[in-house]
Amino acid sequence: MKIPDNQFVNSDTQLWIQLKSGSELALGKLVKKYFNPLQNYGYKFVRDEAFVKDCVQEVFIEVWQRRDRLTTPDSVRAYLLSSVRKKVMREGVRQQIVKDDTPLNLENDGHFIEFSHESSLIEEEDMAYLTQRVGRLLAQLPKRQKEAIYLQFYQNLEREEIAQIMDIHPQSVSNLLQMAFKLFRDNWQVIYALVGILKIFVF
């Protein structure tokens, strides 16, 4: 299959089309690009590094084995995040690592949002103070609200992509984000800090 040569076809889509055509090189590029982010995301649900690593590997293996039957998703990143989320939860229940395969019933985890080790490079005291405030406020949120914030700000995903990953309606994503930011409405500095800090770590 010839890959369309235009600016509207992003590199992920090109790699996916190549993968579907049997390119091991394209698979390797996707693995290199997304393995660590996917592993980090899976670790938010099950804090077992070896288990999560195996799940991410299995997702890529299944993608390769099923490549002839796969369609090309609107967002490769969202597809992979969703696949890892389902794999981790399904295998976690099967192996009795988690008690329930329904994300709504996951216990709150104050460590769900973790800032990069690069935060140690931020020397300004005011930013360090705001970072602490952000962490304390995020720790108060239910896990699904924290997940929505993580996907929007850390993964820079659109509402529809978050809905696909969390397997909920786009309006439900908006509701989760709105409920989360109610906690921040009297802390406008924290909202700016949240956006600024995550941008520092992502870009």
N, C-alpha and C. Protein backbone atom coordinates (compact mmCIF):
# COMPACT_ATOMS: atom_id res chain seq x y z
N MET A 1 0.85 -1.20 0.00
CA MET A 1 0.00 0.00 0.00
C MET A 1 0.87 1.24 0.00
N LYS A 2 0.59 2.15 -0.89
CA LYS A 2 1.34 3.40 -0.94
C LYS A 2 0.85 4.34 0.14
N ILE A 3 1.77 4.93 0.86
CA ILE A 3 1.42 5.84 1.94
C ILE A 3 1.19 7.23 1.37
N PRO A 4 0.03 7.82 1.65
CA PRO A 4 -0.25 9.17 1.15
C PRO A 4 0.83 10.14 1.59
N ASP A 5 1.29 10.95 0.64
CA ASP A 5 2.35 11.89 0.94
C ASP A 5 1.77 13.28 1.11
N ASN A 6 1.21 13.54 2.27
CA ASN A 6 0.69 14.87 2.54
C ASN A 6 0.80 15.17 4.02
N GLN A 7 0.67 16.45 4.35
CA GLN A 7 0.92 16.89 5.72
C GLN A 7 -0.15 16.44 6.69
N PHE A 8 -1.26 15.94 6.20
CA PHE A 8 -2.34 15.54 7.09
C PHE A 8 -2.18 14.11 7.58
N VAL A 9 -1.22 13.39 7.06
CA VAL A 9 -0.94 12.05 7.54
C VAL A 9 0.26 12.12 8.48
N ASN A 10 0.02 11.93 9.78
CA ASN A 10 1.12 12.09 10.72
C ASN A 10 2.01 10.85 10.72
N SER A 11 3.14 10.96 11.37
CA SER A 11 4.13 9.89 11.34
C SER A 11 3.60 8.61 11.98
N ASP A 12 2.78 8.73 13.03
CA ASP A 12 2.22 7.55 13.66
C ASP A 12 1.34 6.78 12.68
N THR A 13 0.52 7.51 11.94
CA THR A 13 -0.34 6.86 10.96
C THR A 13 0.48 6.19 9.86
N GLN A 14 1.52 6.84 9.44
CA GLN A 14 2.41 6.25 8.43
C GLN A 14 3.04 4.96 8.94
N LEU A 15 3.52 5.01 10.18
CA LEU A 15 4.14 3.83 10.77
C LEU A 15 3.12 2.70 10.92
N TRP A 16 1.90 3.06 11.27
CA TRP A 16 0.84 2.05 11.45
C TRP A 16 0.52 1.37 10.11
N ILE A 17 0.42 2.16 9.07
CA ILE A 17 0.16 1.60 7.74
C ILE A 17 1.30 0.69 7.31
N GLN A 18 2.53 1.13 7.58
CA GLN A 18 3.68 0.30 7.25
C GLN A 18 3.68 -1.00 8.06
N LEU A 19 3.33 -0.88 9.34
CA LEU A 19 3.24 -2.06 10.20
C LEU A 19 2.23 -3.05 9.65
N LYS A 20 1.07 -2.55 9.26
CA LYS A 20 0.03 -3.40 8.70
C LYS A 20 0.51 -4.09 7.43
N SER A 21 1.45 -3.47 6.74
CA SER A 21 1.99 -4.07 5.52
C SER A 21 3.13 -5.04 5.81
N GLY A 22 3.45 -5.22 7.11
CA GLY A 22 4.46 -6.20 7.49
C GLY A 22 5.82 -5.64 7.80
N SER A 23 5.93 -4.34 8.05
CA SER A 23 7.23 -3.73 8.33
C SER A 23 7.61 -3.89 9.80
N GLU A 24 8.63 -4.70 10.06
CA GLU A 24 9.13 -4.85 11.42
C GLU A 24 9.82 -3.56 11.88
N LEU A 25 10.38 -2.82 10.94
CA LEU A 25 11.03 -1.55 11.27
C LEU A 25 10.00 -0.57 11.83
N ALA A 26 8.81 -0.51 11.21
CA ALA A 26 7.75 0.38 11.70
C ALA A 26 7.31 -0.02 13.10
N LEU A 27 7.18 -1.33 13.32
CA LEU A 27 6.83 -1.82 14.66
C LEU A 27 7.89 -1.39 15.66
N GLY A 28 9.15 -1.54 15.29
CA GLY A 28 10.23 -1.16 16.20
C GLY A 28 10.22 0.31 16.54
N LYS A 29 9.89 1.14 15.57
CA LYS A 29 9.84 2.58 15.81
C LYS A 29 8.70 2.93 16.77
N LEU A 30 7.56 2.27 16.62
CA LEU A 30 6.44 2.52 17.52
C LEU A 30 6.76 2.04 18.93
N VAL A 31 7.43 0.88 19.03
CA VAL A 31 7.83 0.37 20.33
C VAL A 31 8.79 1.34 21.01
N LYS A 32 9.77 1.83 20.26
CA LYS A 32 10.75 2.76 20.81
C LYS A 32 10.10 4.05 21.27
N LYS A 33 9.12 4.52 20.51
CA LYS A 33 8.47 5.79 20.82
C LYS A 33 7.53 5.69 22.00
N TYR A 34 6.80 4.58 22.11
CA TYR A 34 5.71 4.51 23.06
C TYR A 34 5.90 3.56 24.23
N PHE A 35 6.92 2.72 24.22
CA PHE A 35 7.03 1.71 25.27
C PHE A 35 7.08 2.34 26.66
N ASN A 36 7.97 3.29 26.86
CA ASN A 36 8.09 3.90 28.19
C ASN A 36 6.84 4.66 28.63
N PRO A 37 6.24 5.51 27.75
CA PRO A 37 5.00 6.17 28.16
C PRO A 37 3.88 5.18 28.48
N LEU A 38 3.79 4.09 27.73
CA LEU A 38 2.75 3.10 27.99
C LEU A 38 3.01 2.37 29.30
N GLN A 39 4.27 2.08 29.56
CA GLN A 39 4.61 1.41 30.81
C GLN A 39 4.31 2.33 32.00
N ASN A 40 4.63 3.61 31.85
CA ASN A 40 4.35 4.57 32.91
C ASN A 40 2.85 4.69 33.17
N TYR A 41 2.07 4.68 32.10
CA TYR A 41 0.61 4.76 32.24
C TYR A 41 0.07 3.51 32.92
N GLY A 42 0.50 2.34 32.50
CA GLY A 42 0.03 1.11 33.12
C GLY A 42 0.38 1.03 34.60
N TYR A 43 1.51 1.61 34.96
CA TYR A 43 1.97 1.59 36.34
C TYR A 43 1.07 2.41 37.25
N LYS A 44 0.28 3.30 36.64
CA LYS A 44 -0.66 4.08 37.45
C LYS A 44 -1.77 3.19 38.01
N PHE A 45 -2.02 2.06 37.35
CA PHE A 45 -3.09 1.17 37.78
C PHE A 45 -2.57 0.02 38.64
N VAL A 46 -1.46 -0.54 38.25
CA VAL A 46 -0.87 -1.66 38.99
C VAL A 46 0.59 -1.34 39.23
N ARG A 47 0.96 -1.20 40.48
CA ARG A 47 2.30 -0.77 40.82
C ARG A 47 3.24 -1.98 40.91
N ASP A 48 3.34 -2.67 39.77
CA ASP A 48 4.22 -3.83 39.65
C ASP A 48 4.95 -3.68 38.32
N GLU A 49 6.18 -3.23 38.37
CA GLU A 49 6.90 -2.87 37.16
C GLU A 49 7.04 -4.03 36.18
N ALA A 50 7.38 -5.21 36.68
CA ALA A 50 7.57 -6.37 35.81
C ALA A 50 6.26 -6.77 35.14
N PHE A 51 5.18 -6.75 35.91
CA PHE A 51 3.87 -7.12 35.38
C PHE A 51 3.44 -6.16 34.28
N VAL A 52 3.58 -4.87 34.54
CA VAL A 52 3.17 -3.86 33.56
C VAL A 52 4.03 -3.95 32.31
N LYS A 53 5.31 -4.17 32.48
CA LYS A 53 6.20 -4.31 31.33
C LYS A 53 5.76 -5.48 30.45
N ASP A 54 5.39 -6.58 31.08
CA ASP A 54 4.90 -7.74 30.32
C ASP A 54 3.63 -7.40 29.56
N CYS A 55 2.74 -6.64 30.20
CA CYS A 55 1.48 -6.27 29.56
C CYS A 55 1.73 -5.41 28.32
N VAL A 56 2.64 -4.45 28.44
CA VAL A 56 2.95 -3.59 27.30
C VAL A 56 3.56 -4.41 26.17
N GLN A 57 4.45 -5.32 26.51
CA GLN A 57 5.05 -6.19 25.50
C GLN A 57 3.98 -7.02 24.79
N GLU A 58 3.03 -7.54 25.56
CA GLU A 58 1.97 -8.36 24.98
C GLU A 58 1.08 -7.56 24.05
N VAL A 59 0.85 -6.29 24.38
CA VAL A 59 0.05 -5.43 23.50
C VAL A 59 0.72 -5.30 22.14
N PHE A 60 2.01 -5.03 22.15
CA PHE A 60 2.73 -4.89 20.88
C PHE A 60 2.79 -6.21 20.11
N ILE A 61 2.95 -7.31 20.83
CA ILE A 61 2.95 -8.62 20.18
C ILE A 61 1.61 -8.89 19.52
N GLU A 62 0.53 -8.57 20.23
CA GLU A 62 -0.82 -8.79 19.68
C GLU A 62 -1.08 -7.88 18.48
N VAL A 63 -0.59 -6.65 18.54
CA VAL A 63 -0.73 -5.74 17.40
C VAL A 63 -0.05 -6.34 16.17
N TRP A 64 1.15 -6.86 16.38
CA TRP A 64 1.89 -7.44 15.26
C TRP A 64 1.19 -8.70 14.72
N GLN A 65 0.74 -9.55 15.62
CA GLN A 65 0.11 -10.80 15.20
C GLN A 65 -1.23 -10.55 14.50
N ARG A 66 -1.91 -9.47 14.87
CA ARG A 66 -3.24 -9.18 14.32
C ARG A 66 -3.19 -8.07 13.28
N ARG A 67 -2.02 -7.71 12.80
CA ARG A 67 -1.86 -6.54 11.95
C ARG A 67 -2.72 -6.61 10.68
N ASP A 68 -2.94 -7.81 10.14
CA ASP A 68 -3.74 -7.94 8.92
C ASP A 68 -5.20 -7.60 9.15
N ARG A 69 -5.64 -7.73 10.39
CA ARG A 69 -7.06 -7.52 10.70
C ARG A 69 -7.33 -6.17 11.35
N LEU A 70 -6.28 -5.44 11.67
CA LEU A 70 -6.44 -4.16 12.36
C LEU A 70 -6.82 -3.05 11.38
N THR A 71 -7.68 -2.17 11.84
CA THR A 71 -7.96 -0.95 11.08
C THR A 71 -6.96 0.12 11.54
N THR A 72 -6.90 1.21 10.81
CA THR A 72 -6.01 2.30 11.20
C THR A 72 -6.78 3.27 12.10
N PRO A 73 -6.38 3.39 13.37
CA PRO A 73 -7.12 4.26 14.30
C PRO A 73 -6.89 5.73 14.00
N ASP A 74 -7.84 6.55 14.45
CA ASP A 74 -7.68 8.00 14.30
C ASP A 74 -6.45 8.49 15.06
N SER A 75 -6.19 7.86 16.21
CA SER A 75 -5.03 8.22 17.03
C SER A 75 -4.34 6.93 17.46
N VAL A 76 -3.15 6.70 16.96
CA VAL A 76 -2.39 5.51 17.34
C VAL A 76 -2.07 5.54 18.82
N ARG A 77 -1.69 6.71 19.31
CA ARG A 77 -1.35 6.83 20.74
C ARG A 77 -2.53 6.47 21.62
N ALA A 78 -3.72 7.00 21.30
CA ALA A 78 -4.91 6.70 22.09
C ALA A 78 -5.24 5.21 22.01
N TYR A 79 -5.07 4.62 20.85
CA TYR A 79 -5.34 3.19 20.68
C TYR A 79 -4.41 2.36 21.58
N LEU A 80 -3.13 2.70 21.59
CA LEU A 80 -2.17 1.95 22.39
C LEU A 80 -2.41 2.15 23.89
N LEU A 81 -2.70 3.38 24.29
CA LEU A 81 -3.01 3.64 25.71
C LEU A 81 -4.24 2.85 26.15
N SER A 82 -5.26 2.85 25.31
CA SER A 82 -6.48 2.11 25.63
C SER A 82 -6.20 0.62 25.72
N SER A 83 -5.40 0.11 24.81
CA SER A 83 -5.07 -1.32 24.79
C SER A 83 -4.30 -1.73 26.04
N VAL A 84 -3.34 -0.89 26.45
CA VAL A 84 -2.57 -1.19 27.65
C VAL A 84 -3.45 -1.12 28.89
N ARG A 85 -4.32 -0.14 28.93
CA ARG A 85 -5.24 0.00 30.08
C ARG A 85 -6.09 -1.26 30.24
N LYS A 86 -6.66 -1.74 29.14
CA LYS A 86 -7.51 -2.93 29.18
C LYS A 86 -6.69 -4.18 29.53
N LYS A 87 -5.49 -4.27 28.95
CA LYS A 87 -4.63 -5.43 29.22
C LYS A 87 -4.23 -5.50 30.68
N VAL A 88 -3.82 -4.37 31.23
CA VAL A 88 -3.39 -4.33 32.63
C VAL A 88 -4.53 -4.68 33.56
N MET A 89 -5.71 -4.11 33.31
CA MET A 89 -6.83 -4.38 34.19
C MET A 89 -7.31 -5.83 34.06
N ARG A 90 -7.39 -6.32 32.82
CA ARG A 90 -7.87 -7.69 32.59
C ARG A 90 -6.90 -8.72 33.19
N GLU A 91 -5.61 -8.56 32.91
CA GLU A 91 -4.62 -9.49 33.44
C GLU A 91 -4.46 -9.33 34.94
N GLY A 92 -4.63 -8.09 35.42
CA GLY A 92 -4.54 -7.86 36.85
C GLY A 92 -5.60 -8.61 37.62
N VAL A 93 -6.80 -8.65 37.06
CA VAL A 93 -7.89 -9.40 37.70
C VAL A 93 -7.62 -10.89 37.59
N ARG A 94 -7.20 -11.33 36.40
CA ARG A 94 -6.97 -12.77 36.19
C ARG A 94 -5.89 -13.30 37.12
N GLN A 95 -4.85 -12.49 37.33
CA GLN A 95 -3.76 -12.91 38.19
C GLN A 95 -3.96 -12.48 39.65
N GLN A 96 -5.14 -11.93 39.91
CA GLN A 96 -5.51 -11.50 41.27
C GLN A 96 -4.56 -10.43 41.81
N ILE A 97 -4.06 -9.61 40.90
CA ILE A 97 -3.24 -8.47 41.32
C ILE A 97 -4.13 -7.30 41.70
N VAL A 98 -5.27 -7.17 40.99
CA VAL A 98 -6.29 -6.20 41.36
C VAL A 98 -7.56 -6.95 41.66
N LYS A 99 -8.42 -6.37 42.44
CA LYS A 99 -9.60 -7.07 42.92
C LYS A 99 -10.79 -6.94 41.99
N ASP A 100 -10.79 -5.90 41.17
CA ASP A 100 -11.97 -5.63 40.36
C ASP A 100 -11.54 -5.08 39.01
N ASP A 101 -12.15 -5.57 37.92
CA ASP A 101 -11.76 -5.10 36.60
C ASP A 101 -12.55 -3.89 36.15
N THR A 102 -13.36 -3.32 37.05
CA THR A 102 -14.10 -2.12 36.72
C THR A 102 -13.35 -0.90 37.22
N PRO A 103 -12.82 -0.05 36.30
CA PRO A 103 -12.02 1.09 36.72
C PRO A 103 -12.74 2.02 37.71
N LEU A 104 -14.07 2.08 37.63
CA LEU A 104 -14.81 2.95 38.52
C LEU A 104 -14.60 2.58 39.98
N ASN A 105 -14.29 1.34 40.24
CA ASN A 105 -14.16 0.88 41.61
C ASN A 105 -12.73 0.83 42.11
N LEU A 106 -11.81 1.38 41.32
CA LEU A 106 -10.43 1.39 41.77
C LEU A 106 -10.27 2.31 42.97
N GLU A 107 -9.45 1.89 43.90
CA GLU A 107 -9.21 2.70 45.09
C GLU A 107 -8.43 3.95 44.72
N ASN A 108 -8.62 4.99 45.53
CA ASN A 108 -7.86 6.21 45.31
C ASN A 108 -6.38 5.96 45.53
N ASP A 109 -5.58 6.61 44.76
CA ASP A 109 -4.13 6.45 44.86
C ASP A 109 -3.49 7.82 44.82
N GLY A 110 -2.99 8.26 45.93
CA GLY A 110 -2.41 9.58 46.01
C GLY A 110 -1.17 9.76 45.15
N HIS A 111 -0.64 8.64 44.64
CA HIS A 111 0.56 8.71 43.83
C HIS A 111 0.26 8.56 42.36
N PHE A 112 -1.01 8.66 41.99
CA PHE A 112 -1.39 8.43 40.58
C PHE A 112 -0.68 9.38 39.65
N ILE A 113 -0.64 10.66 40.03
CA ILE A 113 0.10 11.65 39.24
C ILE A 113 1.47 11.82 39.87
N GLU A 114 2.49 11.49 39.12
CA GLU A 114 3.84 11.66 39.61
C GLU A 114 4.59 12.62 38.69
N PHE A 115 5.31 13.55 39.27
CA PHE A 115 6.05 14.48 38.46
C PHE A 115 7.40 13.89 38.11
N SER A 116 7.92 14.30 36.98
CA SER A 116 9.20 13.80 36.49
C SER A 116 10.32 14.13 37.46
N HIS A 117 11.40 13.32 37.41
CA HIS A 117 12.56 13.59 38.25
C HIS A 117 13.18 14.92 37.89
N GLU A 118 12.79 15.46 36.72
CA GLU A 118 13.34 16.75 36.31
C GLU A 118 12.89 17.88 37.23
N SER A 119 11.87 17.58 38.07
CA SER A 119 11.42 18.62 39.00
C SER A 119 12.55 19.06 39.92
N SER A 120 13.52 18.15 40.14
CA SER A 120 14.65 18.51 41.00
C SER A 120 15.51 19.60 40.40
N LEU A 121 15.35 19.82 39.09
CA LEU A 121 16.14 20.85 38.41
C LEU A 121 15.50 22.23 38.55
N ILE A 122 14.27 22.27 39.03
CA ILE A 122 13.59 23.56 39.19
C ILE A 122 14.06 24.21 40.48
N GLU A 123 14.76 25.29 40.37
CA GLU A 123 15.40 25.88 41.54
C GLU A 123 14.57 26.99 42.17
N GLU A 124 13.61 27.53 41.43
CA GLU A 124 12.85 28.64 41.97
C GLU A 124 11.97 28.16 43.12
N GLU A 125 12.06 28.83 44.25
CA GLU A 125 11.31 28.41 45.42
C GLU A 125 9.81 28.51 45.21
N ASP A 126 9.36 29.54 44.46
CA ASP A 126 7.94 29.70 44.27
C ASP A 126 7.38 28.55 43.44
N MET A 127 8.11 28.10 42.42
CA MET A 127 7.64 26.98 41.62
C MET A 127 7.64 25.70 42.45
N ALA A 128 8.64 25.51 43.28
CA ALA A 128 8.69 24.33 44.13
C ALA A 128 7.49 24.31 45.08
N TYR A 129 7.16 25.49 45.60
CA TYR A 129 6.02 25.59 46.51
C TYR A 129 4.72 25.25 45.80
N LEU A 130 4.55 25.80 44.58
CA LEU A 130 3.35 25.51 43.82
C LEU A 130 3.27 24.04 43.43
N THR A 131 4.42 23.44 43.14
CA THR A 131 4.45 22.03 42.80
C THR A 131 3.92 21.19 43.96
N GLN A 132 4.31 21.54 45.16
CA GLN A 132 3.84 20.83 46.35
C GLN A 132 2.33 21.00 46.51
N ARG A 133 1.85 22.20 46.25
CA ARG A 133 0.41 22.46 46.36
C ARG A 133 -0.37 21.66 45.34
N VAL A 134 0.16 21.61 44.12
CA VAL A 134 -0.49 20.81 43.08
C VAL A 134 -0.58 19.35 43.52
N GLY A 135 0.53 18.82 44.01
CA GLY A 135 0.56 17.43 44.44
C GLY A 135 -0.45 17.14 45.53
N ARG A 136 -0.55 18.05 46.50
CA ARG A 136 -1.49 17.85 47.60
C ARG A 136 -2.93 17.88 47.12
N LEU A 137 -3.23 18.80 46.20
CA LEU A 137 -4.59 18.89 45.70
C LEU A 137 -4.94 17.69 44.82
N LEU A 138 -4.02 17.26 43.99
CA LEU A 138 -4.28 16.10 43.15
C LEU A 138 -4.51 14.85 43.98
N ALA A 139 -3.83 14.75 45.11
CA ALA A 139 -3.97 13.59 45.97
C ALA A 139 -5.39 13.48 46.54
N GLN A 140 -6.13 14.59 46.55
CA GLN A 140 -7.49 14.59 47.09
C GLN A 140 -8.53 14.12 46.08
N LEU A 141 -8.13 14.04 44.80
CA LEU A 141 -9.09 13.71 43.75
C LEU A 141 -9.33 12.21 43.67
N PRO A 142 -10.56 11.80 43.31
CA PRO A 142 -10.82 10.39 43.01
C PRO A 142 -9.96 9.96 41.83
N LYS A 143 -9.70 8.67 41.72
CA LYS A 143 -8.73 8.19 40.75
C LYS A 143 -9.13 8.49 39.31
N ARG A 144 -10.41 8.41 38.97
CA ARG A 144 -10.81 8.64 37.58
C ARG A 144 -10.65 10.11 37.20
N GLN A 145 -10.84 11.01 38.15
CA GLN A 145 -10.60 12.42 37.86
C GLN A 145 -9.11 12.66 37.63
N LYS A 146 -8.26 12.01 38.44
CA LYS A 146 -6.83 12.15 38.25
C LYS A 146 -6.39 11.55 36.92
N GLU A 147 -7.03 10.46 36.54
CA GLU A 147 -6.69 9.84 35.26
C GLU A 147 -7.02 10.77 34.11
N ALA A 148 -8.18 11.41 34.17
CA ALA A 148 -8.59 12.34 33.11
C ALA A 148 -7.62 13.50 33.01
N ILE A 149 -7.19 14.04 34.15
CA ILE A 149 -6.23 15.13 34.16
C ILE A 149 -4.89 14.66 33.59
N TYR A 150 -4.47 13.47 34.00
CA TYR A 150 -3.21 12.93 33.51
C TYR A 150 -3.23 12.80 31.99
N LEU A 151 -4.31 12.27 31.46
CA LEU A 151 -4.40 12.06 30.01
C LEU A 151 -4.49 13.39 29.26
N GLN A 152 -5.18 14.36 29.82
CA GLN A 152 -5.31 15.64 29.12
C GLN A 152 -4.02 16.45 29.15
N PHE A 153 -3.40 16.56 30.33
CA PHE A 153 -2.25 17.44 30.46
C PHE A 153 -0.92 16.73 30.21
N TYR A 154 -0.77 15.52 30.72
CA TYR A 154 0.51 14.84 30.57
C TYR A 154 0.62 14.18 29.20
N GLN A 155 -0.46 13.54 28.74
CA GLN A 155 -0.46 12.90 27.43
C GLN A 155 -0.96 13.83 26.33
N ASN A 156 -1.49 14.99 26.72
CA ASN A 156 -1.93 16.01 25.75
C ASN A 156 -2.97 15.45 24.78
N LEU A 157 -3.94 14.71 25.31
CA LEU A 157 -4.97 14.09 24.48
C LEU A 157 -6.23 14.94 24.45
N GLU A 158 -6.99 14.79 23.37
CA GLU A 158 -8.27 15.48 23.23
C GLU A 158 -9.35 14.72 24.01
N ARG A 159 -10.48 15.40 24.23
CA ARG A 159 -11.56 14.82 25.00
C ARG A 159 -12.03 13.50 24.40
N GLU A 160 -12.16 13.44 23.08
CA GLU A 160 -12.64 12.22 22.43
C GLU A 160 -11.65 11.07 22.59
N GLU A 161 -10.35 11.39 22.58
CA GLU A 161 -9.33 10.35 22.76
C GLU A 161 -9.35 9.83 24.19
N ILE A 162 -9.54 10.73 25.15
CA ILE A 162 -9.63 10.31 26.55
C ILE A 162 -10.85 9.42 26.75
N ALA A 163 -11.95 9.78 26.12
CA ALA A 163 -13.17 8.98 26.22
C ALA A 163 -12.94 7.58 25.68
N GLN A 164 -12.21 7.47 24.58
CA GLN A 164 -11.91 6.16 24.00
C GLN A 164 -11.07 5.33 24.96
N ILE A 165 -10.07 5.93 25.57
CA ILE A 165 -9.19 5.21 26.47
C ILE A 165 -9.93 4.76 27.73
N MET A 166 -10.73 5.65 28.31
CA MET A 166 -11.42 5.34 29.55
C MET A 166 -12.73 4.61 29.32
N ASP A 167 -13.10 4.46 28.04
CA ASP A 167 -14.32 3.75 27.67
C ASP A 167 -15.56 4.41 28.28
N ILE A 168 -15.62 5.73 28.13
CA ILE A 168 -16.76 6.48 28.61
C ILE A 168 -17.15 7.49 27.53
N HIS A 169 -18.29 8.17 27.73
CA HIS A 169 -18.77 9.16 26.78
C HIS A 169 -17.92 10.43 26.90
N PRO A 170 -17.69 11.15 25.79
CA PRO A 170 -16.91 12.39 25.86
C PRO A 170 -17.44 13.38 26.89
N GLN A 171 -18.77 13.46 27.02
CA GLN A 171 -19.33 14.37 28.01
C GLN A 171 -18.94 13.97 29.42
N SER A 172 -18.79 12.67 29.65
CA SER A 172 -18.36 12.20 30.96
C SER A 172 -16.94 12.65 31.25
N VAL A 173 -16.10 12.71 30.22
CA VAL A 173 -14.75 13.23 30.39
C VAL A 173 -14.80 14.69 30.83
N SER A 174 -15.64 15.47 30.15
CA SER A 174 -15.80 16.88 30.52
C SER A 174 -16.26 17.01 31.97
N ASN A 175 -17.19 16.16 32.37
CA ASN A 175 -17.71 16.20 33.74
C ASN A 175 -16.61 15.88 34.75
N LEU A 176 -15.79 14.87 34.44
CA LEU A 176 -14.70 14.52 35.34
C LEU A 176 -13.71 15.67 35.51
N LEU A 177 -13.37 16.31 34.39
CA LEU A 177 -12.43 17.43 34.45
C LEU A 177 -13.03 18.61 35.19
N GLN A 178 -14.32 18.87 34.95
CA GLN A 178 -14.97 19.98 35.63
C GLN A 178 -15.02 19.74 37.14
N MET A 179 -15.31 18.52 37.54
CA MET A 179 -15.35 18.20 38.97
C MET A 179 -13.96 18.33 39.59
N ALA A 180 -12.94 17.93 38.83
CA ALA A 180 -11.58 18.04 39.34
C ALA A 180 -11.20 19.49 39.56
N PHE A 181 -11.54 20.34 38.60
CA PHE A 181 -11.13 21.73 38.70
C PHE A 181 -11.98 22.54 39.67
N LYS A 182 -13.09 21.98 40.13
CA LYS A 182 -13.84 22.65 41.19
C LYS A 182 -12.98 22.78 42.43
N LEU A 183 -12.13 21.77 42.64
CA LEU A 183 -11.24 21.81 43.79
C LEU A 183 -10.22 22.92 43.66
N PHE A 184 -9.92 23.29 42.40
CA PHE A 184 -8.88 24.28 42.15
C PHE A 184 -9.43 25.70 41.97
N ARG A 185 -10.76 25.85 41.94
CA ARG A 185 -11.32 27.14 41.54
C ARG A 185 -10.92 28.27 42.49
N ASP A 186 -10.65 27.96 43.75
CA ASP A 186 -10.20 28.97 44.69
C ASP A 186 -8.68 29.00 44.78
N ASN A 187 -8.05 28.23 43.89
CA ASN A 187 -6.59 28.17 43.89
C ASN A 187 -6.10 28.39 42.46
N TRP A 188 -6.41 29.55 41.90
CA TRP A 188 -6.12 29.78 40.49
C TRP A 188 -4.63 29.66 40.19
N GLN A 189 -3.77 29.97 41.16
CA GLN A 189 -2.34 29.82 40.94
C GLN A 189 -1.97 28.36 40.71
N VAL A 190 -2.68 27.47 41.38
CA VAL A 190 -2.40 26.05 41.25
C VAL A 190 -2.75 25.56 39.85
N ILE A 191 -3.82 26.10 39.27
CA ILE A 191 -4.20 25.70 37.92
C ILE A 191 -3.09 26.08 36.95
N TYR A 192 -2.58 27.31 37.07
CA TYR A 192 -1.50 27.73 36.18
C TYR A 192 -0.24 26.90 36.43
N ALA A 193 0.00 26.57 37.69
CA ALA A 193 1.17 25.77 38.00
C ALA A 193 1.04 24.37 37.41
N LEU A 194 -0.16 23.80 37.49
CA LEU A 194 -0.39 22.46 36.95
C LEU A 194 -0.07 22.42 35.47
N VAL A 195 -0.59 23.41 34.73
CA VAL A 195 -0.33 23.46 33.30
C VAL A 195 1.15 23.70 33.03
N GLY A 196 1.73 24.67 33.73
CA GLY A 196 3.13 25.01 33.50
C GLY A 196 4.08 23.90 33.85
N ILE A 197 3.87 23.25 34.98
CA ILE A 197 4.77 22.19 35.43
C ILE A 197 4.73 21.01 34.45
N LEU A 198 3.53 20.61 34.07
CA LEU A 198 3.42 19.47 33.15
C LEU A 198 4.03 19.79 31.81
N LYS A 199 3.90 21.04 31.37
CA LYS A 199 4.52 21.41 30.09
C LYS A 199 6.03 21.33 30.18
N ILE A 200 6.55 21.70 31.34
CA ILE A 200 8.00 21.62 31.51
C ILE A 200 8.48 20.19 31.38
N PHE A 201 7.70 19.26 31.92
CA PHE A 201 8.14 17.87 31.94
C PHE A 201 7.87 17.16 30.62
N VAL A 202 6.91 17.64 29.86
CA VAL A 202 6.51 16.93 28.65
C VAL A 202 7.25 17.46 27.44
N PHE A 203 7.42 18.78 27.35
CA PHE A 203 7.95 19.35 26.11
C PHE A 203 9.43 19.68 26.22
